[in-house]
Amino acid sequence: MAASDRMVLGPLVGSIDQGTSSTRFLVFNAKTAELLSHHQVEIQQKFPKEGWVEQDPKEILKSVHECVERTCEKLQQLNIDITNIKAIGVSNQRETTVVWDKTTGEPLYNAIVWLDLRTQSTVERLLKRIPGKNKAFFKFRTGLPLSTYFSAVKLRWLLDNVEEIRQAVDDGRAMFGTIDSWLIWSLTGGKNGGVHCTDVTNASRTMLFNIHSLEWDPELCQFFDIPMEILPKVRSSSEIYGLMKICPSLKSGALTGVPISGCLGDQSAALVGQMCFQDGQAKNTIICGLTQFTNKNHIAFAALEAVCFQTREILDAINKDCGIPLNQLQVDGGMTNNKVLMQLQSDILCIPVVKPSMPETTALGAAMAAGAAEGVGIWSLNPGDLTAVTCERFEPQINPEESEYRYARWKKAVLKSMGWETSEAPSNGDTSIFCSLPLGFFIMSSMIMLIGAKYVSVISKVGLRIESTED
């Protein structure tokens, strides 16, 4: 098809959305925020031991190249000129930790995923060095408690347990980064001049970043014994980091020369995509938290209420800290498709809950940051210039007194559930779950209830058949 026959839509912006379970590449119209096309590839997770979660950084990178190429093919099939893609943004799963060799471009170990729990013993060892074993000791500097969740602890585990990484650090070959750093370095040339950087939103989830100075903190790096020379340079979330380079081995090069100019961790990207730029605006991502109980209406409803009450607790804390009450709450995430949950959330918060009709807010936020970067300048983030987004709005339908009563009852129930944890082993060394009388009783009674429910169900069905026959 001749270039002159292709549809001209004005400037377009691409967005790499690299999540825990999949990678996507999406292309938006910078003038209307309309999603034009996308492609998605699932990512394999590995569980080498209980509580361990890993991913292959090379598989992640390959999935990005594939998504970019397939999306460009789809755009061309739609008669859309891909040369109008003027910038690319990156949003990513946060905290997931990668270490690679800058001379070969090869990862030195699988990526340790954010939800991995192998570092519990590392956390406990580090706590012994903190006065009073206070997990919040570094919270003023980092905004974070000491936890298995954050990248510094994962990196410490890698340095303690992977000889190849220790050797690469000693040789000056090692580079550390979260997924955004690995992707940007690889996509801008890799071992042939790739840019080693991250943005402030991802850096803030490492526990090595000072949220006041907006720089890597030497004292934190010293505490975790992390060599600062392996850390990426911290950049803003909206600036040109480098240009896309062709990848001959993966036959990927449709967007060679396009600047990568936006980078945000997934939750921060969604905040931008929800256009929360003013005081008193907030966004909540609600993920699926129901499993085998979803077919029991009363339990499911209680679980939905618990999500709403936990959100209420967080917003109460935010209001107390910042002194700016929210007038509405923007939401995204898989559970926002549940209208009962959305109404519950509005009732419990006593403010409107607003859900955008376009669900791709994370990718949109990364695209907006990329398009707004200096040197690109095709997407204005001025609230007055932003395209109005169609939303579904849920208004409170109960009075504040009822909301407070339900919230107080939930908090009382939570308090009654506390105090069960113990670090003492049973005197006879039995670690069976049945060695605890309350827990054993609970499990046995639950089994009896399930068997009884099954029995009642069978009897009910037989009774219905008898009645049907008699009729």
Protein backbone atom coordinates (compact mmCIF):
# COMPACT_ATOMS: atom_id res chain seq x y z
CA MET A 1 0.00 0.00 0.00
CA ALA A 2 1.38 3.39 -0.97
CA ALA A 3 2.27 5.76 1.86
CA SER A 4 -0.03 8.39 0.38
CA ASP A 5 -3.01 6.05 0.82
CA ARG A 6 -2.50 5.62 4.55
CA MET A 7 -4.75 7.27 7.12
CA VAL A 8 -3.31 10.38 8.80
CA LEU A 9 -4.53 10.70 12.40
CA GLY A 10 -2.05 13.22 13.70
CA PRO A 11 0.67 12.31 16.21
CA LEU A 12 0.46 8.88 17.83
CA VAL A 13 2.16 7.58 20.99
CA GLY A 14 3.04 3.99 21.81
CA SER A 15 2.99 2.50 25.30
CA ILE A 16 4.81 -0.59 26.57
CA ASP A 17 2.79 -2.03 29.47
CA GLN A 18 4.91 -4.75 31.05
CA GLY A 19 2.95 -6.47 33.81
CA THR A 20 3.38 -9.51 36.01
CA SER A 21 1.37 -11.86 33.82
CA SER A 22 1.67 -10.30 30.36
CA THR A 23 3.27 -7.68 28.14
CA ARG A 24 1.31 -5.35 25.90
CA PHE A 25 2.05 -2.61 23.40
CA LEU A 26 -0.71 -0.07 22.79
CA VAL A 27 -0.92 2.91 20.46
CA PHE A 28 -2.98 6.01 21.28
CA ASN A 29 -4.01 9.11 19.35
CA ALA A 30 -2.30 11.98 21.17
CA LYS A 31 -5.12 14.40 20.33
CA THR A 32 -8.08 12.28 21.45
CA ALA A 33 -6.53 9.64 23.77
CA GLU A 34 -8.27 7.03 21.60
CA LEU A 35 -6.77 3.53 21.69
CA LEU A 36 -6.09 2.53 18.08
CA SER A 37 -4.53 -0.92 18.36
CA HIS A 38 -2.64 -3.22 20.69
CA HIS A 39 -1.07 -6.65 21.04
CA GLN A 40 -0.58 -8.80 24.14
CA VAL A 41 1.75 -11.71 24.99
CA GLU A 42 1.49 -13.81 28.15
CA ILE A 43 4.57 -14.13 30.39
CA GLN A 44 5.56 -17.36 32.14
CA GLN A 45 6.11 -17.30 35.89
CA LYS A 46 8.46 -19.81 37.51
CA PHE A 47 8.12 -21.20 41.03
CA PRO A 48 11.39 -23.05 41.79
CA LYS A 49 10.56 -23.29 45.50
CA GLU A 50 7.60 -22.54 47.72
CA GLY A 51 7.21 -18.78 47.98
CA TRP A 52 9.71 -18.11 45.18
CA VAL A 53 8.51 -16.34 42.02
CA GLU A 54 10.81 -15.70 39.06
CA GLN A 55 10.61 -14.61 35.43
CA ASP A 56 13.06 -14.78 32.54
CA PRO A 57 14.23 -11.23 31.65
CA LYS A 58 15.02 -12.35 28.10
CA GLU A 59 11.49 -13.69 27.67
CA ILE A 60 10.13 -10.36 28.90
CA LEU A 61 12.30 -8.45 26.42
CA LYS A 62 11.32 -10.78 23.57
CA SER A 63 7.65 -10.28 24.43
CA VAL A 64 8.10 -6.50 24.16
CA HIS A 65 9.65 -6.79 20.69
CA GLU A 66 6.88 -9.14 19.58
CA CYS A 67 4.13 -6.85 20.88
CA VAL A 68 5.66 -3.81 19.14
CA GLU A 69 6.00 -5.60 15.80
CA ARG A 70 2.53 -7.19 15.88
CA THR A 71 0.86 -3.91 16.86
CA CYS A 72 2.59 -2.10 14.01
CA GLU A 73 1.39 -4.80 11.62
CA LYS A 74 -2.18 -4.35 12.89
CA LEU A 75 -1.96 -0.58 12.41
CA GLN A 76 -0.77 -1.03 8.84
CA GLN A 77 -3.70 -3.39 8.21
CA LEU A 78 -5.95 -0.58 9.47
CA ASN A 79 -4.28 1.74 6.94
CA ILE A 80 -2.65 3.77 9.73
CA ASP A 81 0.81 5.18 9.06
CA ILE A 82 3.17 3.99 11.83
CA THR A 83 5.62 6.79 11.05
CA ASN A 84 3.19 8.99 13.00
CA ILE A 85 4.25 7.21 16.22
CA LYS A 86 6.38 9.99 17.68
CA ALA A 87 7.19 8.64 21.15
CA ILE A 88 7.04 5.56 23.36
CA GLY A 89 6.30 5.31 27.07
CA VAL A 90 7.04 2.45 29.46
CA SER A 91 4.98 1.30 32.43
CA ASN A 92 6.01 -1.74 34.39
CA GLN A 93 5.49 -4.09 37.31
CA ARG A 94 7.31 -2.45 40.18
CA GLU A 95 9.98 -3.82 42.56
CA THR A 96 10.78 -6.83 40.32
CA THR A 97 14.58 -7.04 40.34
CA VAL A 98 17.01 -7.81 37.51
CA VAL A 99 20.82 -7.97 37.44
CA TRP A 100 22.61 -8.34 34.12
CA ASP A 101 26.09 -8.27 32.54
CA LYS A 102 26.66 -5.03 30.65
CA THR A 103 29.39 -6.56 28.47
CA THR A 104 27.29 -9.47 27.17
CA GLY A 105 23.79 -8.08 27.66
CA GLU A 106 22.80 -11.33 29.38
CA PRO A 107 20.86 -11.56 32.66
CA LEU A 108 22.90 -13.07 35.49
CA TYR A 109 19.86 -14.60 37.17
CA ASN A 110 16.13 -14.75 36.65
CA ALA A 111 14.16 -11.65 37.62
CA ILE A 112 12.92 -11.93 41.21
CA VAL A 113 9.28 -10.88 41.05
CA TRP A 114 7.79 -8.33 43.45
CA LEU A 115 5.64 -10.91 45.29
CA ASP A 116 8.55 -13.32 45.93
CA LEU A 117 9.00 -14.23 49.62
CA ARG A 118 12.48 -15.83 49.66
CA THR A 119 14.00 -12.77 51.36
CA GLN A 120 12.19 -13.19 54.69
CA SER A 121 15.38 -14.41 56.39
CA THR A 122 17.27 -11.48 54.83
CA VAL A 123 14.73 -9.05 56.31
CA GLU A 124 15.05 -10.67 59.74
CA ARG A 125 18.85 -10.44 59.59
CA LEU A 126 18.69 -6.76 58.59
CA LEU A 127 16.18 -6.02 61.36
CA LYS A 128 18.71 -7.12 63.97
CA ARG A 129 20.89 -4.18 62.91
CA ILE A 130 18.09 -1.64 63.41
CA PRO A 131 17.42 -0.07 66.84
CA GLY A 132 14.43 -1.76 68.39
CA LYS A 133 14.03 -3.94 65.28
CA ASN A 134 11.81 -1.15 63.98
CA LYS A 135 10.60 -1.96 60.44
CA ALA A 136 9.63 1.68 59.94
CA PHE A 137 13.14 2.95 60.82
CA PHE A 138 13.84 4.16 57.25
CA LYS A 139 10.29 5.24 56.47
CA PHE A 140 11.01 8.96 56.70
CA ARG A 141 13.68 8.67 54.00
CA THR A 142 12.03 6.08 51.76
CA GLY A 143 8.32 6.15 52.57
CA LEU A 144 8.57 2.37 52.95
CA PRO A 145 8.80 -0.19 55.76
CA LEU A 146 11.48 -2.89 55.69
CA SER A 147 9.82 -5.76 53.83
CA THR A 148 10.42 -8.62 51.40
CA TYR A 149 8.49 -6.54 48.87
CA PHE A 150 11.11 -3.98 47.86
CA SER A 151 14.06 -4.27 45.50
CA ALA A 152 16.92 -3.55 47.93
CA VAL A 153 16.22 -6.73 49.89
CA LYS A 154 15.93 -8.81 46.71
CA LEU A 155 19.22 -7.38 45.45
CA ARG A 156 20.86 -8.14 48.79
CA TRP A 157 19.70 -11.77 48.48
CA LEU A 158 21.15 -12.01 44.97
CA LEU A 159 24.52 -10.68 46.13
CA ASP A 160 24.51 -13.13 49.04
CA ASN A 161 23.46 -16.20 47.07
CA VAL A 162 24.50 -15.95 43.40
CA GLU A 163 28.23 -16.27 42.77
CA GLU A 164 27.96 -15.05 39.17
CA ILE A 165 26.49 -11.77 40.38
CA ARG A 166 29.11 -11.26 43.07
CA GLN A 167 31.85 -11.88 40.50
CA ALA A 168 30.26 -9.49 37.98
CA VAL A 169 30.07 -6.79 40.66
CA ASP A 170 33.72 -7.31 41.53
CA ASP A 171 34.64 -7.13 37.83
CA GLY A 172 32.59 -3.96 37.25
CA ARG A 173 30.29 -5.77 34.79
CA ALA A 174 27.03 -5.84 36.78
CA MET A 175 24.02 -3.60 36.26
CA PHE A 176 20.96 -3.57 38.49
CA GLY A 177 17.51 -2.35 37.63
CA THR A 178 13.80 -2.88 37.91
CA ILE A 179 11.98 -4.02 34.76
CA ASP A 180 11.85 -0.50 33.33
CA SER A 181 15.64 -0.18 33.52
CA TRP A 182 16.21 -3.57 31.88
CA LEU A 183 13.83 -2.72 29.04
CA ILE A 184 15.07 0.83 28.39
CA TRP A 185 18.74 -0.31 28.45
CA SER A 186 17.98 -3.18 26.06
CA LEU A 187 15.72 -1.22 23.69
CA THR A 188 18.18 1.69 23.36
CA GLY A 189 21.12 -0.47 22.34
CA GLY A 190 21.92 -2.82 25.21
CA LYS A 191 25.63 -3.67 25.31
CA ASN A 192 26.12 -1.29 22.37
CA GLY A 193 25.43 1.96 24.21
CA GLY A 194 22.13 1.26 25.94
CA VAL A 195 20.92 3.88 28.44
CA HIS A 196 20.99 2.65 32.06
CA CYS A 197 18.30 4.67 33.82
CA THR A 198 15.11 4.52 35.83
CA ASP A 199 12.50 7.09 36.81
CA VAL A 200 11.62 8.48 40.22
CA THR A 201 8.45 6.37 40.61
CA ASN A 202 10.33 3.10 40.15
CA ALA A 203 13.36 4.26 42.15
CA SER A 204 11.04 5.11 45.05
CA ARG A 205 10.09 1.42 45.35
CA THR A 206 13.62 0.12 45.84
CA MET A 207 14.26 1.29 49.46
CA LEU A 208 17.52 2.84 48.24
CA PHE A 209 16.00 6.15 47.10
CA ASN A 210 15.67 9.25 49.26
CA ILE A 211 12.22 10.68 48.53
CA HIS A 212 13.28 14.13 49.78
CA SER A 213 16.52 14.62 47.85
CA LEU A 214 15.21 12.51 44.91
CA GLU A 215 18.56 10.72 44.70
CA TRP A 216 20.04 7.38 45.66
CA ASP A 217 20.83 7.58 49.36
CA PRO A 218 24.46 6.66 50.23
CA GLU A 219 23.57 5.70 53.80
CA LEU A 220 20.78 3.38 52.66
CA CYS A 221 23.11 1.80 50.12
CA GLN A 222 25.68 1.34 52.88
CA PHE A 223 23.11 -0.26 55.20
CA PHE A 224 22.06 -2.78 52.54
CA ASP A 225 25.69 -3.06 51.37
CA ILE A 226 24.74 -2.25 47.77
CA PRO A 227 27.49 -0.83 45.52
CA MET A 228 26.13 2.43 44.09
CA GLU A 229 27.96 2.01 40.77
CA ILE A 230 25.53 -0.77 39.71
CA LEU A 231 22.46 1.47 40.17
CA PRO A 232 20.74 3.16 37.19
CA LYS A 233 20.69 6.92 36.84
CA VAL A 234 17.47 8.39 38.21
CA ARG A 235 15.59 10.51 35.66
CA SER A 236 12.22 12.24 35.58
CA SER A 237 9.15 10.35 34.40
CA SER A 238 8.79 12.45 31.26
CA GLU A 239 11.93 13.12 29.22
CA ILE A 240 13.77 11.56 26.29
CA TYR A 241 15.96 8.74 27.61
CA GLY A 242 17.15 7.39 24.28
CA LEU A 243 16.04 6.15 20.85
CA MET A 244 14.68 2.74 19.91
CA LYS A 245 17.35 0.61 18.22
CA ILE A 246 16.85 -2.28 15.82
CA CYS A 247 17.20 -5.79 17.24
CA PRO A 248 18.46 -8.04 14.41
CA SER A 249 18.29 -11.25 16.45
CA LEU A 250 14.57 -10.76 17.05
CA LYS A 251 13.84 -9.22 13.64
CA SER A 252 12.45 -6.16 15.41
CA GLY A 253 12.89 -2.66 14.11
CA ALA A 254 9.57 -1.17 13.03
CA LEU A 255 9.97 1.77 15.42
CA THR A 256 13.74 2.26 15.17
CA GLY A 257 14.65 5.88 15.94
CA VAL A 258 11.47 6.64 17.92
CA PRO A 259 12.33 8.21 21.32
CA ILE A 260 11.50 6.44 24.57
CA SER A 261 10.39 9.44 26.56
CA GLY A 262 8.06 8.31 29.34
CA CYS A 263 8.56 5.90 32.24
CA LEU A 264 6.41 5.21 35.29
CA GLY A 265 5.69 2.30 37.61
CA ASP A 266 2.29 0.82 36.85
CA GLN A 267 0.35 2.43 39.71
CA SER A 268 1.86 5.86 39.07
CA ALA A 269 1.13 5.50 35.35
CA ALA A 270 -2.51 4.73 36.14
CA LEU A 271 -2.67 7.86 38.32
CA VAL A 272 -1.60 9.91 35.29
CA GLY A 273 -3.98 7.99 33.03
CA GLN A 274 -6.82 8.83 35.43
CA MET A 275 -5.68 12.48 35.09
CA CYS A 276 -5.27 13.02 38.83
CA PHE A 277 -3.21 16.21 38.64
CA GLN A 278 -4.91 18.39 41.24
CA ASP A 279 -5.03 18.51 45.04
CA GLY A 280 -7.76 16.33 46.49
CA GLN A 281 -7.76 13.79 43.65
CA ALA A 282 -6.94 10.12 44.25
CA LYS A 283 -6.97 6.82 42.39
CA ASN A 284 -7.40 3.30 43.74
CA THR A 285 -6.52 0.10 41.87
CA ILE A 286 -8.73 -2.76 43.01
CA ILE A 287 -7.43 -6.21 42.11
CA CYS A 288 -9.24 -9.51 42.29
CA GLY A 289 -9.10 -11.05 45.79
CA LEU A 290 -11.67 -13.82 45.63
CA THR A 291 -10.95 -17.49 45.06
CA GLN A 292 -13.02 -20.54 45.96
CA PHE A 293 -15.53 -18.47 47.92
CA THR A 294 -16.96 -16.63 44.93
CA ASN A 295 -19.90 -19.03 44.64
CA LYS A 296 -21.07 -18.30 48.19
CA ASN A 297 -23.02 -15.07 48.05
CA HIS A 298 -22.71 -14.06 51.69
CA ILE A 299 -18.98 -14.74 51.89
CA ALA A 300 -18.41 -12.99 48.58
CA PHE A 301 -20.30 -9.94 49.78
CA ALA A 302 -18.25 -9.85 52.99
CA ALA A 303 -15.06 -10.05 50.93
CA LEU A 304 -16.23 -7.13 48.76
CA GLU A 305 -17.07 -5.13 51.87
CA ALA A 306 -13.61 -5.85 53.27
CA VAL A 307 -12.00 -4.40 50.13
CA CYS A 308 -14.05 -1.24 50.58
CA PHE A 309 -13.31 -0.96 54.31
CA GLN A 310 -9.56 -1.36 53.70
CA THR A 311 -9.75 1.40 51.09
CA ARG A 312 -11.60 3.55 53.66
CA GLU A 313 -8.76 2.99 56.17
CA ILE A 314 -6.14 4.05 53.63
CA LEU A 315 -8.06 7.16 52.59
CA ASP A 316 -8.64 8.13 56.22
CA ALA A 317 -4.87 7.95 56.78
CA ILE A 318 -4.22 10.01 53.63
CA ASN A 319 -6.76 12.65 54.69
CA LYS A 320 -5.15 12.83 58.13
CA ASP A 321 -1.65 13.28 56.68
CA CYS A 322 -2.40 15.76 53.90
CA GLY A 323 -5.42 17.54 55.35
CA ILE A 324 -7.19 17.61 51.98
CA PRO A 325 -10.45 15.63 51.99
CA LEU A 326 -11.29 13.79 48.79
CA ASN A 327 -14.37 14.85 46.87
CA GLN A 328 -14.38 11.70 44.72
CA LEU A 329 -12.32 8.55 44.12
CA GLN A 330 -11.16 7.37 40.71
CA VAL A 331 -10.82 3.60 40.38
CA ASP A 332 -9.35 1.02 38.03
CA GLY A 333 -8.35 -2.64 38.12
CA GLY A 334 -10.12 -5.92 37.40
CA MET A 335 -12.63 -5.71 40.24
CA THR A 336 -14.07 -2.41 39.02
CA ASN A 337 -16.18 -4.46 36.60
CA ASN A 338 -18.24 -5.46 39.66
CA LYS A 339 -20.92 -2.79 39.99
CA VAL A 340 -21.98 -4.06 43.41
CA LEU A 341 -18.44 -3.41 44.64
CA MET A 342 -18.37 0.06 43.12
CA GLN A 343 -21.63 1.00 44.81
CA LEU A 344 -20.43 -0.46 48.11
CA GLN A 345 -17.24 1.58 47.85
CA SER A 346 -19.18 4.78 47.31
CA ASP A 347 -21.52 4.01 50.22
CA ILE A 348 -18.68 3.28 52.63
CA LEU A 349 -16.61 6.30 51.61
CA CYS A 350 -19.61 8.64 51.40
CA ILE A 351 -18.18 10.17 48.21
CA PRO A 352 -18.71 9.43 44.51
CA VAL A 353 -16.64 6.65 42.91
CA VAL A 354 -15.69 7.27 39.28
CA LYS A 355 -14.69 4.51 36.85
CA PRO A 356 -13.37 5.43 33.38
CA SER A 357 -15.05 3.66 30.47
CA MET A 358 -11.62 3.21 28.82
CA PRO A 359 -9.87 0.63 31.07
CA GLU A 360 -6.31 1.05 29.78
CA THR A 361 -5.37 3.84 32.18
CA THR A 362 -1.91 2.46 33.02
CA ALA A 363 -0.80 2.33 29.39
CA LEU A 364 -2.48 5.67 28.72
CA GLY A 365 -0.55 7.30 31.58
CA ALA A 366 2.79 6.10 30.19
CA ALA A 367 1.79 7.35 26.72
CA MET A 368 0.81 10.75 28.12
CA ALA A 369 4.15 11.11 29.92
CA ALA A 370 6.01 10.15 26.74
CA GLY A 371 4.05 12.54 24.55
CA ALA A 372 4.50 15.41 27.02
CA ALA A 373 8.30 15.07 27.26
CA GLU A 374 10.45 18.03 26.28
CA GLY A 375 11.58 17.51 22.71
CA VAL A 376 8.39 15.59 21.89
CA GLY A 377 5.65 17.98 22.99
CA ILE A 378 2.64 16.37 21.34
CA TRP A 379 0.53 15.73 24.47
CA SER A 380 -0.38 18.51 26.89
CA LEU A 381 -0.82 17.55 30.54
CA ASN A 382 -2.49 20.87 31.33
CA PRO A 383 -5.87 19.90 32.90
CA GLY A 384 -7.63 22.41 30.67
CA ASP A 385 -6.23 20.78 27.53
CA LEU A 386 -7.01 17.17 28.44
CA THR A 387 -9.71 15.35 26.53
CA ALA A 388 -12.73 14.58 28.71
CA VAL A 389 -12.91 10.86 29.47
CA THR A 390 -16.27 9.09 29.54
CA CYS A 391 -16.83 7.71 33.03
CA GLU A 392 -19.36 5.70 35.02
CA ARG A 393 -20.21 7.42 38.30
CA PHE A 394 -21.48 5.78 41.51
CA GLU A 395 -23.08 8.06 44.12
CA PRO A 396 -23.55 7.20 47.84
CA GLN A 397 -26.98 5.69 48.51
CA ILE A 398 -26.85 5.36 52.30
CA ASN A 399 -26.53 8.04 54.95
CA PRO A 400 -23.19 8.74 56.66
CA GLU A 401 -24.43 7.35 60.00
CA GLU A 402 -25.09 3.93 58.46
CA SER A 403 -21.71 3.99 56.76
CA GLU A 404 -19.93 4.80 60.05
CA TYR A 405 -21.82 2.04 61.88
CA ARG A 406 -20.81 -0.61 59.32
CA TYR A 407 -17.20 0.60 59.30
CA ALA A 408 -17.00 0.50 63.11
CA ARG A 409 -18.35 -3.07 63.19
CA TRP A 410 -15.76 -4.17 60.62
CA LYS A 411 -12.91 -2.63 62.64
CA LYS A 412 -14.20 -4.38 65.76
CA ALA A 413 -14.21 -7.70 63.91
CA VAL A 414 -10.65 -7.12 62.68
CA LEU A 415 -9.46 -6.43 66.23
CA LYS A 416 -11.03 -9.67 67.46
CA SER A 417 -9.14 -11.61 64.78
CA MET A 418 -5.72 -10.38 65.94
CA GLY A 419 -3.23 -11.98 68.31
CA TRP A 420 -3.13 -15.50 66.86
CA GLU A 421 0.45 -15.34 65.58
CA THR A 422 3.11 -17.02 67.71
CA SER A 423 6.78 -17.73 67.16
CA GLU A 424 6.87 -20.52 69.77
CA ALA A 425 7.12 -24.07 68.48
CA PRO A 426 4.91 -26.79 70.02
CA SER A 427 6.60 -28.49 72.99
CA ASN A 428 6.43 -31.93 71.35
CA GLY A 429 7.91 -30.62 68.10
CA ASP A 430 4.71 -31.41 66.17
CA THR A 431 4.32 -28.84 63.37
CA SER A 432 1.05 -30.29 62.06
CA ILE A 433 -1.76 -27.82 61.58
CA PHE A 434 -3.83 -30.00 63.90
CA CYS A 435 -1.44 -29.36 66.82
CA SER A 436 -3.26 -26.07 67.36
CA LEU A 437 -6.61 -26.79 68.98
CA PRO A 438 -8.40 -23.71 67.62
CA LEU A 439 -7.02 -24.22 64.12
CA GLY A 440 -7.53 -28.00 64.20
CA PHE A 441 -11.08 -27.50 65.44
CA PHE A 442 -11.71 -24.94 62.72
CA ILE A 443 -10.44 -27.22 59.96
CA MET A 444 -12.29 -30.30 61.25
CA SER A 445 -15.52 -28.35 61.73
CA SER A 446 -15.13 -26.83 58.27
CA MET A 447 -14.71 -30.29 56.77
CA ILE A 448 -17.80 -31.51 58.61
CA MET A 449 -19.75 -28.47 57.40
CA LEU A 450 -18.66 -29.08 53.81
CA ILE A 451 -19.63 -32.76 54.02
CA GLY A 452 -22.90 -31.79 55.65
CA ALA A 453 -23.57 -29.16 52.97
CA LYS A 454 -22.89 -31.74 50.29
CA TYR A 455 -25.28 -34.17 52.02
CA VAL A 456 -28.00 -31.54 52.36
CA SER A 457 -27.51 -30.60 48.71
CA VAL A 458 -27.98 -34.22 47.61
CA ILE A 459 -31.06 -34.64 49.82
CA SER A 460 -32.52 -31.41 48.44
CA LYS A 461 -32.01 -32.54 44.85
CA VAL A 462 -33.61 -35.94 45.61
CA GLY A 463 -36.52 -34.17 47.26
CA LEU A 464 -36.98 -31.93 44.23
CA ARG A 465 -36.98 -34.93 41.93
CA ILE A 466 -39.61 -36.66 44.11
CA GLU A 467 -41.81 -33.55 44.15
CA SER A 468 -41.40 -33.21 40.40
CA THR A 469 -42.40 -36.85 39.89
CA GLU A 470 -45.44 -36.46 42.14
CA ASP A 471 -46.53 -33.36 40.22
